[in-house]
Amino acid sequence: MTDFDASDIAAMRKEGDLSGFLRGQLRAGRAGKTVPPAPPPKPPGYRPGAWPTGTHPPEPRPTRHTAADWRLAIDRYRQGHDNDPCHCGNC
Protein backbone atom coordinates (compact mmCIF):
# COMPACT_ATOMS: atom_id res chain seq x y z
CA MET A 1 0.00 0.00 0.00
CA THR A 2 1.84 3.08 -1.21
CA ASP A 3 -1.05 5.37 -2.15
CA PHE A 4 -2.98 6.79 0.80
CA ASP A 5 -4.83 10.01 1.45
CA ALA A 6 -6.23 11.96 4.39
CA SER A 7 -9.25 9.66 4.80
CA ASP A 8 -6.96 6.63 5.06
CA ILE A 9 -4.90 8.41 7.72
CA ALA A 10 -8.04 9.35 9.66
CA ALA A 11 -9.31 5.75 9.52
CA MET A 12 -5.96 4.34 10.70
CA ARG A 13 -5.83 6.90 13.52
CA LYS A 14 -9.36 5.95 14.62
CA GLU A 15 -8.49 2.23 14.59
CA GLY A 16 -5.10 2.78 16.29
CA ASP A 17 -3.10 1.40 13.34
CA LEU A 18 -1.40 4.65 12.28
CA SER A 19 1.84 4.20 14.25
CA GLY A 20 2.24 0.63 12.97
CA PHE A 21 1.58 1.78 9.41
CA LEU A 22 4.17 4.57 9.66
CA ARG A 23 6.77 2.20 11.13
CA GLY A 24 6.12 -0.17 8.22
CA GLN A 25 6.60 2.68 5.75
CA LEU A 26 9.92 3.58 7.39
CA ARG A 27 11.09 -0.05 7.29
CA ALA A 28 10.15 -0.36 3.63
CA GLY A 29 12.05 2.83 2.82
CA ARG A 30 15.19 1.66 4.62
CA ALA A 31 15.05 -1.78 2.98
CA GLY A 32 14.80 -0.20 -0.48
CA LYS A 33 18.08 1.67 -0.09
CA THR A 34 21.10 0.01 -1.63
CA VAL A 35 24.70 0.52 -0.65
CA PRO A 36 26.73 1.96 -3.55
CA PRO A 37 29.47 -0.36 -4.79
CA ALA A 38 32.99 0.30 -3.57
CA PRO A 39 35.20 2.15 -6.08
CA PRO A 40 37.73 0.01 -7.93
CA PRO A 41 41.17 -0.19 -6.34
CA LYS A 42 43.81 2.27 -7.52
CA PRO A 43 46.55 0.92 -9.79
CA PRO A 44 50.01 0.34 -8.32
CA GLY A 45 52.08 3.52 -8.11
CA TYR A 46 49.00 5.75 -8.23
CA ARG A 47 49.75 9.33 -7.20
CA PRO A 48 46.67 11.54 -6.83
CA GLY A 49 46.84 14.70 -8.93
CA ALA A 50 50.02 13.68 -10.75
CA TRP A 51 50.70 12.49 -14.27
CA PRO A 52 50.68 8.69 -14.46
CA THR A 53 54.07 7.05 -14.09
CA GLY A 54 56.05 7.14 -17.34
CA THR A 55 54.11 10.06 -18.84
CA HIS A 56 54.62 13.81 -18.90
CA PRO A 57 52.81 16.94 -20.01
CA PRO A 58 52.65 17.55 -23.76
CA GLU A 59 55.79 18.98 -25.32
CA PRO A 60 56.84 21.60 -26.33
CA ARG A 61 55.32 23.92 -23.83
CA PRO A 62 53.96 27.12 -25.35
CA THR A 63 56.22 30.13 -25.07
CA ARG A 64 54.92 33.27 -23.46
CA HIS A 65 55.40 36.41 -25.52
CA THR A 66 56.27 39.61 -23.73
CA ALA A 67 54.82 43.03 -24.46
CA ALA A 68 58.08 43.96 -26.18
CA ASP A 69 57.72 40.94 -28.52
CA TRP A 70 54.21 42.06 -29.48
CA ARG A 71 55.31 45.67 -30.07
CA LEU A 72 58.16 44.49 -32.32
CA ALA A 73 55.80 42.26 -34.31
CA ILE A 74 53.28 45.08 -34.76
CA ASP A 75 56.01 47.51 -35.84
CA ARG A 76 57.34 45.01 -38.39
CA TYR A 77 53.79 44.49 -39.70
CA ARG A 78 53.17 48.23 -40.03
CA GLN A 79 56.48 48.75 -41.84
CA GLY A 80 55.60 46.09 -44.37
CA HIS A 81 58.20 43.51 -43.36
CA ASP A 82 56.98 39.93 -43.77
CA ASN A 83 53.83 41.26 -45.45
CA ASP A 84 54.82 40.47 -49.01
CA PRO A 85 53.90 36.97 -50.17
CA CYS A 86 57.36 36.03 -51.53
CA HIS A 87 59.60 37.92 -49.04
CA CYS A 88 61.70 39.32 -51.90
CA GLY A 89 60.95 42.94 -51.07
CA ASN A 90 59.78 43.79 -54.60
CA CYS A 91 56.13 42.85 -54.23
PDB file of N, CA and C in Angstrom:
ATOM      1  N   MET A   1       0.852  -1.176   0.000  1.00  0.00           N
ATOM      2  CA  MET A   1       0.000   0.000   0.000  1.00  0.00           C
ATOM      3  C   MET A   1       0.895   1.236   0.000  1.00  0.00           C
ATOM      4  N   THR A   2       1.006   1.889  -1.121  1.00  0.00           N
ATOM      5  CA  THR A   2       1.836   3.084  -1.207  1.00  0.00           C
ATOM      6  C   THR A   2       0.996   4.329  -1.414  1.00  0.00           C
ATOM      7  N   ASP A   3      -0.198   4.204  -1.933  1.00  0.00           N
ATOM      8  CA  ASP A   3      -1.051   5.372  -2.146  1.00  0.00           C
ATOM      9  C   ASP A   3      -2.061   5.469  -1.002  1.00  0.00           C
ATOM     10  N   PHE A   4      -2.021   6.572  -0.279  1.00  0.00           N
ATOM     11  CA  PHE A   4      -2.981   6.795   0.796  1.00  0.00           C
ATOM     12  C   PHE A   4      -3.281   8.267   0.846  1.00  0.00           C
ATOM     13  N   ASP A   5      -4.435   8.609   1.369  1.00  0.00           N
ATOM     14  CA  ASP A   5      -4.830  10.007   1.452  1.00  0.00           C
ATOM     15  C   ASP A   5      -5.284  10.330   2.868  1.00  0.00           C
ATOM     16  N   ALA A   6      -5.852  11.490   3.054  1.00  0.00           N
ATOM     17  CA  ALA A   6      -6.235  11.959   4.391  1.00  0.00           C
ATOM     18  C   ALA A   6      -7.291  11.058   5.018  1.00  0.00           C
ATOM     19  N   SER A   7      -8.211  10.528   4.220  1.00  0.00           N
ATOM     20  CA  SER A   7      -9.253   9.661   4.799  1.00  0.00           C
ATOM     21  C   SER A   7      -8.644   8.351   5.299  1.00  0.00           C
ATOM     22  N   ASP A   8      -7.640   7.843   4.596  1.00  0.00           N
ATOM     23  CA  ASP A   8      -6.958   6.632   5.064  1.00  0.00           C
ATOM     24  C   ASP A   8      -6.244   6.902   6.389  1.00  0.00           C
ATOM     25  N   ILE A   9      -5.599   8.037   6.492  1.00  0.00           N
ATOM     26  CA  ILE A   9      -4.897   8.406   7.720  1.00  0.00           C
ATOM     27  C   ILE A   9      -5.898   8.530   8.871  1.00  0.00           C
ATOM     28  N   ALA A  10      -7.024   9.183   8.616  1.00  0.00           N
ATOM     29  CA  ALA A  10      -8.045   9.353   9.659  1.00  0.00           C
ATOM     30  C   ALA A  10      -8.578   7.994  10.114  1.00  0.00           C
ATOM     31  N   ALA A  11      -8.811   7.083   9.167  1.00  0.00           N
ATOM     32  CA  ALA A  11      -9.311   5.750   9.524  1.00  0.00           C
ATOM     33  C   ALA A  11      -8.276   4.979  10.331  1.00  0.00           C
ATOM     34  N   MET A  12      -7.010   5.047   9.948  1.00  0.00           N
ATOM     35  CA  MET A  12      -5.962   4.341  10.700  1.00  0.00           C
ATOM     36  C   MET A  12      -5.810   4.933  12.094  1.00  0.00           C
ATOM     37  N   ARG A  13      -5.937   6.265  12.203  1.00  0.00           N
ATOM     38  CA  ARG A  13      -5.833   6.896  13.523  1.00  0.00           C
ATOM     39  C   ARG A  13      -6.984   6.447  14.413  1.00  0.00           C
ATOM     40  N   LYS A  14      -8.186   6.362  13.848  1.00  0.00           N
ATOM     41  CA  LYS A  14      -9.358   5.947  14.618  1.00  0.00           C
ATOM     42  C   LYS A  14      -9.204   4.503  15.093  1.00  0.00           C
ATOM     43  N   GLU A  15      -8.646   3.643  14.246  1.00  0.00           N
ATOM     44  CA  GLU A  15      -8.490   2.228  14.587  1.00  0.00           C
ATOM     45  C   GLU A  15      -7.226   1.956  15.401  1.00  0.00           C
ATOM     46  N   GLY A  16      -6.325   2.952  15.518  1.00  0.00           N
ATOM     47  CA  GLY A  16      -5.102   2.776  16.290  1.00  0.00           C
ATOM     48  C   GLY A  16      -3.985   2.110  15.498  1.00  0.00           C
ATOM     49  N   ASP A  17      -4.110   2.051  14.176  1.00  0.00           N
ATOM     50  CA  ASP A  17      -3.097   1.404  13.342  1.00  0.00           C
ATOM     51  C   ASP A  17      -2.107   2.381  12.702  1.00  0.00           C
ATOM     52  N   LEU A  18      -2.222   3.656  12.968  1.00  0.00           N
ATOM     53  CA  LEU A  18      -1.400   4.650  12.282  1.00  0.00           C
ATOM     54  C   LEU A  18       0.080   4.495  12.614  1.00  0.00           C
ATOM     55  N   SER A  19       0.425   4.311  13.889  1.00  0.00           N
ATOM     56  CA  SER A  19       1.839   4.203  14.247  1.00  0.00           C
ATOM     57  C   SER A  19       2.459   2.953  13.627  1.00  0.00           C
ATOM     58  N   GLY A  20       1.732   1.845  13.612  1.00  0.00           N
ATOM     59  CA  GLY A  20       2.244   0.634  12.968  1.00  0.00           C
ATOM     60  C   GLY A  20       2.435   0.824  11.468  1.00  0.00           C
ATOM     61  N   PHE A  21       1.485   1.515  10.844  1.00  0.00           N
ATOM     62  CA  PHE A  21       1.582   1.784   9.408  1.00  0.00           C
ATOM     63  C   PHE A  21       2.808   2.636   9.099  1.00  0.00           C
ATOM     64  N   LEU A  22       3.026   3.699   9.905  1.00  0.00           N
ATOM     65  CA  LEU A  22       4.165   4.575   9.664  1.00  0.00           C
ATOM     66  C   LEU A  22       5.490   3.846   9.888  1.00  0.00           C
ATOM     67  N   ARG A  23       5.551   2.988  10.909  1.00  0.00           N
ATOM     68  CA  ARG A  23       6.768   2.202  11.127  1.00  0.00           C
ATOM     69  C   ARG A  23       7.030   1.281   9.933  1.00  0.00           C
ATOM     70  N   GLY A  24       5.975   0.682   9.402  1.00  0.00           N
ATOM     71  CA  GLY A  24       6.124  -0.171   8.224  1.00  0.00           C
ATOM     72  C   GLY A  24       6.619   0.605   7.015  1.00  0.00           C
ATOM     73  N   GLN A  25       6.133   1.839   6.859  1.00  0.00           N
ATOM     74  CA  GLN A  25       6.603   2.685   5.755  1.00  0.00           C
ATOM     75  C   GLN A  25       8.088   3.018   5.909  1.00  0.00           C
ATOM     76  N   LEU A  26       8.499   3.290   7.150  1.00  0.00           N
ATOM     77  CA  LEU A  26       9.919   3.576   7.395  1.00  0.00           C
ATOM     78  C   LEU A  26      10.783   2.346   7.106  1.00  0.00           C
ATOM     79  N   ARG A  27      10.332   1.180   7.550  1.00  0.00           N
ATOM     80  CA  ARG A  27      11.095  -0.047   7.293  1.00  0.00           C
ATOM     81  C   ARG A  27      11.209  -0.319   5.795  1.00  0.00           C
ATOM     82  N   ALA A  28      10.131  -0.125   5.080  1.00  0.00           N
ATOM     83  CA  ALA A  28      10.150  -0.364   3.630  1.00  0.00           C
ATOM     84  C   ALA A  28      11.101   0.612   2.937  1.00  0.00           C
ATOM     85  N   GLY A  29      11.146   1.853   3.408  1.00  0.00           N
ATOM     86  CA  GLY A  29      12.050   2.828   2.822  1.00  0.00           C
ATOM     87  C   GLY A  29      13.500   2.490   3.074  1.00  0.00           C
ATOM     88  N   ARG A  30      13.810   2.028   4.298  1.00  0.00           N
ATOM     89  CA  ARG A  30      15.186   1.655   4.616  1.00  0.00           C
ATOM     90  C   ARG A  30      15.618   0.415   3.852  1.00  0.00           C
ATOM     91  N   ALA A  31      14.708  -0.542   3.683  1.00  0.00           N
ATOM     92  CA  ALA A  31      15.050  -1.781   2.982  1.00  0.00           C
ATOM     93  C   ALA A  31      15.290  -1.518   1.495  1.00  0.00           C
ATOM     94  N   GLY A  32      14.652  -0.493   0.937  1.00  0.00           N
ATOM     95  CA  GLY A  32      14.802  -0.198  -0.477  1.00  0.00           C
ATOM     96  C   GLY A  32      16.118   0.468  -0.824  1.00  0.00           C
ATOM     97  N   LYS A  33      16.813   0.998   0.172  1.00  0.00           N
ATOM     98  CA  LYS A  33      18.085   1.669  -0.093  1.00  0.00           C
ATOM     99  C   LYS A  33      19.165   0.627  -0.353  1.00  0.00           C
ATOM    100  N   THR A  34      19.987   0.906  -1.331  1.00  0.00           N
ATOM    101  CA  THR A  34      21.098   0.010  -1.631  1.00  0.00           C
ATOM    102  C   THR A  34      22.403   0.723  -1.317  1.00  0.00           C
ATOM    103  N   VAL A  35      23.371  -0.031  -0.929  1.00  0.00           N
ATOM    104  CA  VAL A  35      24.696   0.520  -0.646  1.00  0.00           C
ATOM    105  C   VAL A  35      25.443   0.645  -1.976  1.00  0.00           C
ATOM    106  N   PRO A  36      26.011   1.812  -2.281  1.00  0.00           N
ATOM    107  CA  PRO A  36      26.728   1.958  -3.548  1.00  0.00           C
ATOM    108  C   PRO A  36      27.954   1.047  -3.558  1.00  0.00           C
ATOM    109  N   PRO A  37      28.302   0.521  -4.726  1.00  0.00           N
ATOM    110  CA  PRO A  37      29.472  -0.362  -4.790  1.00  0.00           C
ATOM    111  C   PRO A  37      30.755   0.402  -4.471  1.00  0.00           C
ATOM    112  N   ALA A  38      31.703  -0.316  -3.914  1.00  0.00           N
ATOM    113  CA  ALA A  38      32.986   0.302  -3.574  1.00  0.00           C
ATOM    114  C   ALA A  38      33.726   0.663  -4.864  1.00  0.00           C
ATOM    115  N   PRO A  39      34.455   1.773  -4.862  1.00  0.00           N
ATOM    116  CA  PRO A  39      35.197   2.146  -6.075  1.00  0.00           C
ATOM    117  C   PRO A  39      36.295   1.121  -6.353  1.00  0.00           C
ATOM    118  N   PRO A  40      36.673   0.969  -7.611  1.00  0.00           N
ATOM    119  CA  PRO A  40      37.729   0.005  -7.929  1.00  0.00           C
ATOM    120  C   PRO A  40      39.047   0.417  -7.283  1.00  0.00           C
ATOM    121  N   PRO A  41      39.900  -0.541  -6.979  1.00  0.00           N
ATOM    122  CA  PRO A  41      41.174  -0.187  -6.341  1.00  0.00           C
ATOM    123  C   PRO A  41      42.059   0.616  -7.293  1.00  0.00           C
ATOM    124  N   LYS A  42      42.893   1.447  -6.719  1.00  0.00           N
ATOM    125  CA  LYS A  42      43.806   2.266  -7.517  1.00  0.00           C
ATOM    126  C   LYS A  42      44.943   1.399  -8.059  1.00  0.00           C
ATOM    127  N   PRO A  43      45.444   1.710  -9.237  1.00  0.00           N
ATOM    128  CA  PRO A  43      46.555   0.923  -9.793  1.00  0.00           C
ATOM    129  C   PRO A  43      47.830   1.127  -8.978  1.00  0.00           C
ATOM    130  N   PRO A  44      48.757   0.186  -9.057  1.00  0.00           N
ATOM    131  CA  PRO A  44      50.013   0.340  -8.315  1.00  0.00           C
ATOM    132  C   PRO A  44      50.755   1.602  -8.754  1.00  0.00           C
ATOM    133  N   GLY A  45      51.319   2.301  -7.811  1.00  0.00           N
ATOM    134  CA  GLY A  45      52.075   3.518  -8.110  1.00  0.00           C
ATOM    135  C   GLY A  45      51.199   4.731  -8.344  1.00  0.00           C
ATOM    136  N   TYR A  46      49.921   4.634  -8.007  1.00  0.00           N
ATOM    137  CA  TYR A  46      49.001   5.750  -8.229  1.00  0.00           C
ATOM    138  C   TYR A  46      49.378   6.925  -7.329  1.00  0.00           C
ATOM    139  N   ARG A  47      49.482   8.113  -7.948  1.00  0.00           N
ATOM    140  CA  ARG A  47      49.752   9.335  -7.205  1.00  0.00           C
ATOM    141  C   ARG A  47      48.630  10.309  -7.517  1.00  0.00           C
ATOM    142  N   PRO A  48      47.800  10.662  -6.546  1.00  0.00           N
ATOM    143  CA  PRO A  48      46.673  11.543  -6.830  1.00  0.00           C
ATOM    144  C   PRO A  48      47.139  12.913  -7.314  1.00  0.00           C
ATOM    145  N   GLY A  49      46.539  13.374  -8.389  1.00  0.00           N
ATOM    146  CA  GLY A  49      46.843  14.696  -8.925  1.00  0.00           C
ATOM    147  C   GLY A  49      48.113  14.774  -9.738  1.00  0.00           C
ATOM    148  N   ALA A  50      48.765  13.666  -9.998  1.00  0.00           N
ATOM    149  CA  ALA A  50      50.018  13.685 -10.753  1.00  0.00           C
ATOM    150  C   ALA A  50      49.819  12.979 -12.093  1.00  0.00           C
ATOM    151  N   TRP A  51      50.730  13.220 -13.012  1.00  0.00           N
ATOM    152  CA  TRP A  51      50.700  12.495 -14.272  1.00  0.00           C
ATOM    153  C   TRP A  51      51.012  11.032 -13.991  1.00  0.00           C
ATOM    154  N   PRO A  52      50.376  10.102 -14.687  1.00  0.00           N
ATOM    155  CA  PRO A  52      50.682   8.690 -14.460  1.00  0.00           C
ATOM    156  C   PRO A  52      52.170   8.406 -14.682  1.00  0.00           C
ATOM    157  N   THR A  53      52.661   7.400 -14.004  1.00  0.00           N
ATOM    158  CA  THR A  53      54.069   7.053 -14.092  1.00  0.00           C
ATOM    159  C   THR A  53      54.449   6.786 -15.542  1.00  0.00           C
ATOM    160  N   GLY A  54      55.574   7.345 -15.976  1.00  0.00           N
ATOM    161  CA  GLY A  54      56.049   7.141 -17.339  1.00  0.00           C
ATOM    162  C   GLY A  54      55.488   8.119 -18.341  1.00  0.00           C
ATOM    163  N   THR A  55      54.664   9.059 -17.915  1.00  0.00           N
ATOM    164  CA  THR A  55      54.105  10.056 -18.836  1.00  0.00           C
ATOM    165  C   THR A  55      54.524  11.452 -18.374  1.00  0.00           C
ATOM    166  N   HIS A  56      54.275  12.438 -19.217  1.00  0.00           N
ATOM    167  CA  HIS A  56      54.615  13.814 -18.899  1.00  0.00           C
ATOM    168  C   HIS A  56      53.672  14.734 -19.649  1.00  0.00           C
ATOM    169  N   PRO A  57      53.652  15.998 -19.292  1.00  0.00           N
ATOM    170  CA  PRO A  57      52.805  16.940 -20.010  1.00  0.00           C
ATOM    171  C   PRO A  57      53.217  17.017 -21.477  1.00  0.00           C
ATOM    172  N   PRO A  58      52.322  17.443 -22.344  1.00  0.00           N
ATOM    173  CA  PRO A  58      52.649  17.548 -23.759  1.00  0.00           C
ATOM    174  C   PRO A  58      53.825  18.495 -23.999  1.00  0.00           C
ATOM    175  N   GLU A  59      54.636  18.168 -24.972  1.00  0.00           N
ATOM    176  CA  GLU A  59      55.794  18.982 -25.320  1.00  0.00           C
ATOM    177  C   GLU A  59      55.588  19.554 -26.706  1.00  0.00           C
ATOM    178  N   PRO A  60      56.163  20.595 -27.143  1.00  0.00           N
ATOM    179  CA  PRO A  60      56.835  21.598 -26.332  1.00  0.00           C
ATOM    180  C   PRO A  60      55.818  22.487 -25.640  1.00  0.00           C
ATOM    181  N   ARG A  61      56.207  23.022 -24.537  1.00  0.00           N
ATOM    182  CA  ARG A  61      55.315  23.921 -23.828  1.00  0.00           C
ATOM    183  C   ARG A  61      55.232  25.240 -24.584  1.00  0.00           C
ATOM    184  N   PRO A  62      54.081  25.861 -24.612  1.00  0.00           N
ATOM    185  CA  PRO A  62      53.956  27.123 -25.348  1.00  0.00           C
ATOM    186  C   PRO A  62      54.812  28.215 -24.713  1.00  0.00           C
ATOM    187  N   THR A  63      55.407  29.034 -25.580  1.00  0.00           N
ATOM    188  CA  THR A  63      56.220  30.132 -25.071  1.00  0.00           C
ATOM    189  C   THR A  63      55.327  31.329 -24.802  1.00  0.00           C
ATOM    190  N   ARG A  64      55.674  32.069 -23.804  1.00  0.00           N
ATOM    191  CA  ARG A  64      54.921  33.269 -23.458  1.00  0.00           C
ATOM    192  C   ARG A  64      55.597  34.459 -24.122  1.00  0.00           C
ATOM    193  N   HIS A  65      54.840  35.233 -24.860  1.00  0.00           N
ATOM    194  CA  HIS A  65      55.396  36.413 -25.517  1.00  0.00           C
ATOM    195  C   HIS A  65      55.250  37.616 -24.598  1.00  0.00           C
ATOM    196  N   THR A  66      56.287  38.409 -24.560  1.00  0.00           N
ATOM    197  CA  THR A  66      56.268  39.613 -23.727  1.00  0.00           C
ATOM    198  C   THR A  66      55.645  40.761 -24.509  1.00  0.00           C
ATOM    199  N   ALA A  67      55.381  41.842 -23.807  1.00  0.00           N
ATOM    200  CA  ALA A  67      54.818  43.026 -24.463  1.00  0.00           C
ATOM    201  C   ALA A  67      55.791  43.571 -25.500  1.00  0.00           C
ATOM    202  N   ALA A  68      57.081  43.482 -25.222  1.00  0.00           N
ATOM    203  CA  ALA A  68      58.081  43.958 -26.184  1.00  0.00           C
ATOM    204  C   ALA A  68      58.033  43.117 -27.462  1.00  0.00           C
ATOM    205  N   ASP A  69      57.833  41.800 -27.332  1.00  0.00           N
ATOM    206  CA  ASP A  69      57.716  40.943 -28.519  1.00  0.00           C
ATOM    207  C   ASP A  69      56.523  41.358 -29.372  1.00  0.00           C
ATOM    208  N   TRP A  70      55.398  41.657 -28.734  1.00  0.00           N
ATOM    209  CA  TRP A  70      54.207  42.058 -29.484  1.00  0.00           C
ATOM    210  C   TRP A  70      54.423  43.407 -30.169  1.00  0.00           C
ATOM    211  N   ARG A  71      55.048  44.359 -29.451  1.00  0.00           N
ATOM    212  CA  ARG A  71      55.311  45.672 -30.073  1.00  0.00           C
ATOM    213  C   ARG A  71      56.212  45.524 -31.290  1.00  0.00           C
ATOM    214  N   LEU A  72      57.250  44.713 -31.198  1.00  0.00           N
ATOM    215  CA  LEU A  72      58.161  44.492 -32.317  1.00  0.00           C
ATOM    216  C   LEU A  72      57.418  43.870 -33.500  1.00  0.00           C
ATOM    217  N   ALA A  73      56.555  42.897 -33.231  1.00  0.00           N
ATOM    218  CA  ALA A  73      55.803  42.255 -34.308  1.00  0.00           C
ATOM    219  C   ALA A  73      54.850  43.243 -34.972  1.00  0.00           C
ATOM    220  N   ILE A  74      54.198  44.089 -34.188  1.00  0.00           N
ATOM    221  CA  ILE A  74      53.279  45.080 -34.757  1.00  0.00           C
ATOM    222  C   ILE A  74      54.046  46.101 -35.583  1.00  0.00           C
ATOM    223  N   ASP A  75      55.194  46.547 -35.081  1.00  0.00           N
ATOM    224  CA  ASP A  75      56.006  47.512 -35.835  1.00  0.00           C
ATOM    225  C   ASP A  75      56.469  46.910 -37.159  1.00  0.00           C
ATOM    226  N   ARG A  76      56.910  45.666 -37.150  1.00  0.00           N
ATOM    227  CA  ARG A  76      57.343  45.007 -38.388  1.00  0.00           C
ATOM    228  C   ARG A  76      56.172  44.893 -39.365  1.00  0.00           C
ATOM    229  N   TYR A  77      54.978  44.599 -38.842  1.00  0.00           N
ATOM    230  CA  TYR A  77      53.790  44.486 -39.701  1.00  0.00           C
ATOM    231  C   TYR A  77      53.465  45.841 -40.328  1.00  0.00           C
ATOM    232  N   ARG A  78      53.505  46.893 -39.528  1.00  0.00           N
ATOM    233  CA  ARG A  78      53.173  48.227 -40.027  1.00  0.00           C
ATOM    234  C   ARG A  78      54.184  48.723 -41.053  1.00  0.00           C
ATOM    235  N   GLN A  79      55.443  48.327 -40.910  1.00  0.00           N
ATOM    236  CA  GLN A  79      56.481  48.753 -41.839  1.00  0.00           C
ATOM    237  C   GLN A  79      56.461  47.936 -43.124  1.00  0.00           C
ATOM    238  N   GLY A  80      55.707  46.876 -43.156  1.00  0.00           N
ATOM    239  CA  GLY A  80      55.604  46.087 -44.372  1.00  0.00           C
ATOM    240  C   GLY A  80      56.512  44.884 -44.396  1.00  0.00           C
ATOM    241  N   HIS A  81      57.359  44.702 -43.401  1.00  0.00           N
ATOM    242  CA  HIS A  81      58.202  43.512 -43.362  1.00  0.00           C
ATOM    243  C   HIS A  81      57.326  42.281 -43.202  1.00  0.00           C
ATOM    244  N   ASP A  82      57.679  41.223 -43.844  1.00  0.00           N
ATOM    245  CA  ASP A  82      56.977  39.931 -43.766  1.00  0.00           C
ATOM    246  C   ASP A  82      55.540  40.021 -44.250  1.00  0.00           C
ATOM    247  N   ASN A  83      55.183  41.146 -44.915  1.00  0.00           N
ATOM    248  CA  ASN A  83      53.835  41.257 -45.447  1.00  0.00           C
ATOM    249  C   ASN A  83      53.754  40.783 -46.886  1.00  0.00           C
ATOM    250  N   ASP A  84      54.868  40.850 -47.607  1.00  0.00           N
ATOM    251  CA  ASP A  84      54.816  40.474 -49.008  1.00  0.00           C
ATOM    252  C   ASP A  84      54.822  38.932 -49.122  1.00  0.00           C
ATOM    253  N   PRO A  85      54.078  38.401 -50.093  1.00  0.00           N
ATOM    254  CA  PRO A  85      53.902  36.966 -50.167  1.00  0.00           C
ATOM    255  C   PRO A  85      55.196  36.185 -50.467  1.00  0.00           C
ATOM    256  N   CYS A  86      56.167  36.794 -51.176  1.00  0.00           N
ATOM    257  CA  CYS A  86      57.359  36.031 -51.533  1.00  0.00           C
ATOM    258  C   CYS A  86      58.595  36.437 -50.731  1.00  0.00           C
ATOM    259  N   HIS A  87      58.508  37.446 -49.889  1.00  0.00           N
ATOM    260  CA  HIS A  87      59.600  37.925 -49.040  1.00  0.00           C
ATOM    261  C   HIS A  87      60.814  38.398 -49.855  1.00  0.00           C
ATOM    262  N   CYS A  88      60.578  38.837 -51.104  1.00  0.00           N
ATOM    263  CA  CYS A  88      61.703  39.318 -51.895  1.00  0.00           C
ATOM    264  C   CYS A  88      61.880  40.828 -51.748  1.00  0.00           C
ATOM    265  N   GLY A  89      60.855  41.509 -51.236  1.00  0.00           N
ATOM    266  CA  GLY A  89      60.950  42.939 -51.066  1.00  0.00           C
ATOM    267  C   GLY A  89      60.488  43.731 -52.266  1.00  0.00           C
ATOM    268  N   ASN A  90      60.220  43.096 -53.397  1.00  0.00           N
ATOM    269  CA  ASN A  90      59.784  43.794 -54.602  1.00  0.00           C
ATOM    270  C   ASN A  90      58.271  43.749 -54.801  1.00  0.00           C
ATOM    271  N   CYS A  91      57.577  42.990 -54.022  1.00  0.00           N
ATOM    272  CA  CYS A  91      56.134  42.848 -54.230  1.00  0.00           C
ATOM    273  C   CYS A  91      55.355  43.964 -53.580  1.00  0.00           C
TER     274      CYS A  91
END
